[in-house]
Amino acid sequence: MRNDVFPYDVPQNLSKALSGHPVAADGIAYHGRHDDTELCFALFEPVRSAVSMAERRTDLDANRFWQVAGRYKIGLAP
């Protein structure tokens, strides 16, 4: 894991290049620099109109949240 500060102009320029590429990508999946075990998703602005909610679940795996939160020694205040 890198400890240096990553400039925002680099990923912004990369997203512009990818969104304008002939492959017409709607976004990217990547491993975050703060935790390379977790998968992150970045969707480009134009895809907003193409994304819809297929299902809304409120019974998500709470244990999964606490496993990740525990890794960083964070929690929720009552």
Protein backbone atom coordinates (compact mmCIF):
# COMPACT_ATOMS: atom_id res chain seq x y z
CA MET A 1 0.00 0.00 0.00
CA ARG A 2 1.31 3.44 -0.91
CA ASN A 3 1.60 6.11 1.75
CA ASP A 4 2.17 9.08 -0.53
CA VAL A 5 -0.57 11.49 -1.54
CA PHE A 6 -2.03 10.72 -4.93
CA PRO A 7 -2.96 13.84 -6.97
CA TYR A 8 -6.59 14.01 -8.09
CA ASP A 9 -5.75 15.32 -11.55
CA VAL A 10 -4.31 11.92 -12.50
CA PRO A 11 -7.50 9.85 -11.89
CA GLN A 12 -9.67 12.65 -13.29
CA ASN A 13 -7.67 12.67 -16.53
CA LEU A 14 -7.81 8.87 -16.63
CA SER A 15 -11.59 8.85 -16.21
CA LYS A 16 -11.96 11.42 -19.02
CA ALA A 17 -9.82 9.29 -21.31
CA LEU A 18 -11.73 6.10 -20.47
CA SER A 19 -15.18 7.65 -20.80
CA GLY A 20 -14.26 9.04 -24.23
CA HIS A 21 -12.65 5.81 -25.46
CA PRO A 22 -14.31 3.88 -28.32
CA VAL A 23 -15.02 0.96 -25.97
CA ALA A 24 -17.57 3.30 -24.29
CA ALA A 25 -16.92 2.10 -20.74
CA ASP A 26 -19.55 3.08 -18.19
CA GLY A 27 -17.07 2.89 -15.33
CA ILE A 28 -14.31 0.85 -13.76
CA ALA A 29 -13.88 -1.64 -10.94
CA TYR A 30 -10.69 -1.28 -8.93
CA HIS A 31 -9.07 -2.08 -5.63
CA GLY A 32 -8.94 0.98 -3.37
CA ARG A 33 -5.55 2.28 -2.32
CA HIS A 34 -6.59 2.37 1.33
CA ASP A 35 -7.66 -1.28 1.34
CA ASP A 36 -6.66 -3.43 -1.60
CA THR A 37 -8.80 -6.33 -0.36
CA GLU A 38 -12.05 -4.45 -1.07
CA LEU A 39 -13.43 -3.86 -4.56
CA CYS A 40 -14.58 -0.33 -5.43
CA PHE A 41 -16.63 0.89 -8.39
CA ALA A 42 -16.49 4.23 -10.17
CA LEU A 43 -19.28 5.06 -12.60
CA PHE A 44 -18.87 7.84 -15.12
CA GLU A 45 -21.42 10.68 -15.12
CA PRO A 46 -23.17 9.77 -18.42
CA VAL A 47 -24.15 6.34 -17.08
CA ARG A 48 -26.45 7.88 -14.45
CA SER A 49 -29.48 7.72 -16.75
CA ALA A 50 -28.75 4.08 -17.59
CA VAL A 51 -28.53 2.87 -13.98
CA SER A 52 -31.68 1.79 -12.21
CA MET A 53 -32.42 0.02 -8.96
CA ALA A 54 -33.33 -3.60 -9.58
CA GLU A 55 -33.88 -4.42 -5.93
CA ARG A 56 -33.64 -2.61 -2.60
CA ARG A 57 -32.56 -4.68 0.36
CA THR A 58 -32.46 -3.43 3.89
CA ASP A 59 -31.35 -6.74 5.39
CA LEU A 60 -27.75 -6.52 4.25
CA ASP A 61 -25.11 -8.58 6.00
CA ALA A 62 -24.40 -6.43 9.07
CA ASN A 63 -21.56 -8.73 10.05
CA ARG A 64 -19.75 -7.86 6.82
CA PHE A 65 -19.95 -4.15 7.69
CA TRP A 66 -18.55 -4.74 11.17
CA GLN A 67 -15.75 -6.93 9.81
CA VAL A 68 -14.57 -4.11 7.55
CA ALA A 69 -15.17 -1.43 10.21
CA GLY A 70 -13.25 -3.45 12.79
CA ARG A 71 -10.26 -3.62 10.49
CA TYR A 72 -10.02 0.17 10.75
CA LYS A 73 -11.05 0.42 14.40
CA ILE A 74 -14.16 2.47 13.60
CA GLY A 75 -17.75 2.19 14.71
CA LEU A 76 -21.05 4.04 14.97
CA ALA A 77 -22.06 6.40 17.74
CA PRO A 78 -25.48 5.70 19.30
